[in-house]
C-alpha atoms as a PDB file:
ATOM      1  CA  MET A   1      -5.856  12.480  -3.347  1.00  0.00           C
ATOM      2  CA  SER A   2      -7.273   9.619  -5.420  1.00  0.00           C
ATOM      3  CA  ILE A   3      -5.276   6.788  -6.799  1.00  0.00           C
ATOM      4  CA  GLN A   4      -6.373   5.118  -9.975  1.00  0.00           C
ATOM      5  CA  GLN A   5      -7.241   1.449  -9.319  1.00  0.00           C
ATOM      6  CA  PRO A   6      -7.427  -1.177 -12.187  1.00  0.00           C
ATOM      7  CA  HIS A   7     -10.832  -2.006 -13.719  1.00  0.00           C
ATOM      8  CA  ILE A   8     -12.296  -5.204 -12.280  1.00  0.00           C
ATOM      9  CA  ASP A   9     -14.429  -7.251 -14.616  1.00  0.00           C
ATOM     10  CA  HIS A  10     -17.292  -9.464 -13.459  1.00  0.00           C
ATOM     11  CA  LEU A  11     -15.050 -12.480 -13.093  1.00  0.00           C
ATOM     12  CA  GLY A  12     -12.847 -10.698 -10.506  1.00  0.00           C
ATOM     13  CA  ALA A  13      -9.828 -10.269 -12.655  1.00  0.00           C
ATOM     14  CA  THR A  14      -8.013  -7.135 -13.481  1.00  0.00           C
ATOM     15  CA  ALA A  15      -6.990  -5.858 -16.848  1.00  0.00           C
ATOM     16  CA  CYS A  16      -3.381  -7.177 -16.109  1.00  0.00           C
ATOM     17  CA  GLY A  17      -4.745 -10.689 -15.617  1.00  0.00           C
ATOM     18  CA  MET A  18      -4.068 -10.959 -11.797  1.00  0.00           C
ATOM     19  CA  ALA A  19      -6.657 -11.969  -9.367  1.00  0.00           C
ATOM     20  CA  ALA A  20      -8.374  -8.704  -8.191  1.00  0.00           C
ATOM     21  CA  PHE A  21      -7.383  -9.210  -4.540  1.00  0.00           C
ATOM     22  CA  ASP A  22      -3.797 -10.385  -4.776  1.00  0.00           C
ATOM     23  CA  GLU A  23      -1.534  -8.501  -2.430  1.00  0.00           C
ATOM     24  CA  GLY A  24      -0.450  -5.261  -4.012  1.00  0.00           C
ATOM     25  CA  HIS A  25      -3.600  -5.036  -6.185  1.00  0.00           C
ATOM     26  CA  GLU A  26      -7.149  -4.276  -5.003  1.00  0.00           C
ATOM     27  CA  LEU A  27      -7.627  -3.987  -1.275  1.00  0.00           C
ATOM     28  CA  HIS A  28     -10.064  -6.636  -0.105  1.00  0.00           C
ATOM     29  CA  PRO A  29     -12.970  -5.075   1.970  1.00  0.00           C
ATOM     30  CA  ILE A  30     -12.352  -7.622   4.787  1.00  0.00           C
ATOM     31  CA  ILE A  31      -8.640  -6.664   4.964  1.00  0.00           C
ATOM     32  CA  ARG A  32      -9.583  -3.011   4.898  1.00  0.00           C
ATOM     33  CA  ARG A  33     -11.969  -3.508   7.903  1.00  0.00           C
ATOM     34  CA  ALA A  34      -9.426  -5.637   9.769  1.00  0.00           C
ATOM     35  CA  ALA A  35      -6.694  -3.112   9.403  1.00  0.00           C
ATOM     36  CA  SER A  36      -9.075  -0.279  10.470  1.00  0.00           C
ATOM     37  CA  ALA A  37     -10.081  -2.357  13.544  1.00  0.00           C
ATOM     38  CA  THR A  38      -6.521  -2.813  14.707  1.00  0.00           C
ATOM     39  CA  PRO A  39      -5.171   0.777  15.034  1.00  0.00           C
ATOM     40  CA  SER A  40      -2.303  -0.200  17.379  1.00  0.00           C
ATOM     41  CA  GLN A  41      -0.656  -2.094  14.504  1.00  0.00           C
ATOM     42  CA  TRP A  42      -0.102   0.999  12.302  1.00  0.00           C
ATOM     43  CA  VAL A  43       3.493   2.157  12.018  1.00  0.00           C
ATOM     44  CA  ASP A  44       4.156   5.733  11.051  1.00  0.00           C
ATOM     45  CA  ALA A  45       6.888   6.070   8.454  1.00  0.00           C
ATOM     46  CA  LEU A  46       8.580   8.417   5.943  1.00  0.00           C
ATOM     47  CA  VAL A  47       9.020   7.471   2.290  1.00  0.00           C
ATOM     48  CA  VAL A  48      12.648   7.106   1.308  1.00  0.00           C
ATOM     49  CA  SER A  49      11.929   6.302  -2.313  1.00  0.00           C
ATOM     50  CA  ALA A  50       9.139   5.266  -4.660  1.00  0.00           C
ATOM     51  CA  SER A  51      10.001   3.742  -8.003  1.00  0.00           C
ATOM     52  CA  ALA A  52       7.956   3.463 -11.300  1.00  0.00           C
ATOM     53  CA  ASP A  53       7.873  -0.361 -10.877  1.00  0.00           C
ATOM     54  CA  GLY A  54       5.817  -0.086  -7.666  1.00  0.00           C
ATOM     55  CA  TRP A  55       8.419  -0.570  -4.960  1.00  0.00           C
ATOM     56  CA  ILE A  56       8.194   1.853  -2.094  1.00  0.00           C
ATOM     57  CA  GLU A  57      11.059   2.161   0.514  1.00  0.00           C
ATOM     58  CA  PHE A  58      10.255   3.726   3.888  1.00  0.00           C
ATOM     59  CA  VAL A  59      11.723   4.250   7.245  1.00  0.00           C
ATOM     60  CA  ALA A  60       9.672   3.691  10.354  1.00  0.00           C
ATOM     61  CA  LEU A  61       9.629   6.565  12.748  1.00  0.00           C
ATOM     62  CA  HIS A  62       9.596   4.573  15.928  1.00  0.00           C
ATOM     63  CA  ASP A  63      12.848   2.643  15.422  1.00  0.00           C
ATOM     64  CA  ALA A  64      14.350   3.924  12.178  1.00  0.00           C
ATOM     65  CA  SER A  65      14.005   0.386  10.603  1.00  0.00           C
ATOM     66  CA  VAL A  66      13.793   0.370   6.784  1.00  0.00           C
ATOM     67  CA  GLY A  67      11.034  -1.487   4.945  1.00  0.00           C
ATOM     68  CA  GLN A  68       9.894  -2.085   1.437  1.00  0.00           C
ATOM     69  CA  ARG A  69       6.451  -2.757   0.052  1.00  0.00           C
ATOM     70  CA  TRP A  70       5.196  -3.263  -3.584  1.00  0.00           C
ATOM     71  CA  HIS A  71       2.037  -1.932  -5.144  1.00  0.00           C
ATOM     72  CA  HIS A  72       1.078  -2.680  -8.752  1.00  0.00           C
ATOM     73  CA  ALA A  73       0.693   1.009  -9.731  1.00  0.00           C
ATOM     74  CA  ASP A  74       3.466   3.477 -10.138  1.00  0.00           C
ATOM     75  CA  LEU A  75       3.051   5.769  -6.969  1.00  0.00           C
ATOM     76  CA  SER A  76       6.318   7.733  -7.519  1.00  0.00           C
ATOM     77  CA  ASP A  77       4.364  10.888  -8.496  1.00  0.00           C
ATOM     78  CA  VAL A  78       2.349  10.657  -5.245  1.00  0.00           C
ATOM     79  CA  LEU A  79       5.056   9.478  -2.839  1.00  0.00           C
ATOM     80  CA  ALA A  80       7.940  11.930  -2.906  1.00  0.00           C
ATOM     81  CA  PRO A  81      10.835  11.180  -0.452  1.00  0.00           C
ATOM     82  CA  GLY A  82       9.870  12.499   2.932  1.00  0.00           C
ATOM     83  CA  SER A  83       6.154  11.896   2.483  1.00  0.00           C
ATOM     84  CA  PRO A  84       4.399  10.541   5.517  1.00  0.00           C
ATOM     85  CA  VAL A  85       2.703   7.148   5.224  1.00  0.00           C
ATOM     86  CA  ALA A  86       1.598   4.450   7.692  1.00  0.00           C
ATOM     87  CA  VAL A  87       2.174   0.774   7.210  1.00  0.00           C
ATOM     88  CA  HIS A  88       0.022  -1.853   8.948  1.00  0.00           C
ATOM     89  CA  GLY A  89       2.190  -4.392  10.847  1.00  0.00           C
ATOM     90  CA  LEU A  90      -0.322  -7.371  10.445  1.00  0.00           C
ATOM     91  CA  TYR A  91      -1.973  -6.769   7.135  1.00  0.00           C
ATOM     92  CA  GLY A  92      -0.595  -5.628   3.697  1.00  0.00           C
ATOM     93  CA  VAL A  93      -2.011  -2.173   4.000  1.00  0.00           C
ATOM     94  CA  LEU A  94      -0.338   1.193   3.254  1.00  0.00           C
ATOM     95  CA  ALA A  95      -2.031   4.430   4.284  1.00  0.00           C
ATOM     96  CA  ILE A  96      -1.337   7.550   2.238  1.00  0.00           C
ATOM     97  CA  GLY A  97      -3.421  10.162   3.913  1.00  0.00           C
ATOM     98  CA  ASP A  98      -6.948   8.793   3.934  1.00  0.00           C
ATOM     99  CA  GLU A  99      -6.321   6.436   1.088  1.00  0.00           C
ATOM    100  CA  LEU A 100      -5.718   2.690   1.947  1.00  0.00           C
ATOM    101  CA  LEU A 101      -3.882   0.555  -0.511  1.00  0.00           C
ATOM    102  CA  SER A 102      -2.986  -3.177  -0.658  1.00  0.00           C
ATOM    103  CA  VAL A 103       0.822  -3.745  -0.690  1.00  0.00           C
ATOM    104  CA  ARG A 104       3.066  -6.797  -0.696  1.00  0.00           C
ATOM    105  CA  ALA A 105       5.990  -7.105   1.637  1.00  0.00           C
ATOM    106  CA  ALA A 106       9.489  -7.402   0.092  1.00  0.00           C
END
């Protein structure tokens, strides 16, 4: 599965005018590495809903807590209710299979 990321110009700005590495946009390589280096902080979850405006609601498997994260792209066609994901507890990262995305906490 590949998720379309926005085009980043030479100034580091996306087509929508946001800084490229703002939470919920492009995943910074350092954050990617930090999240990968702290595997004990990943929380397995199931998607409850994903809306066209980028909001993802999930329920954590270990304690049934509900959380929300935002990503700039519409992931509703990728994240059907019941889809497994992992959310990093320290960094704003969502794992969908092997794909890592930057997300912003609600």
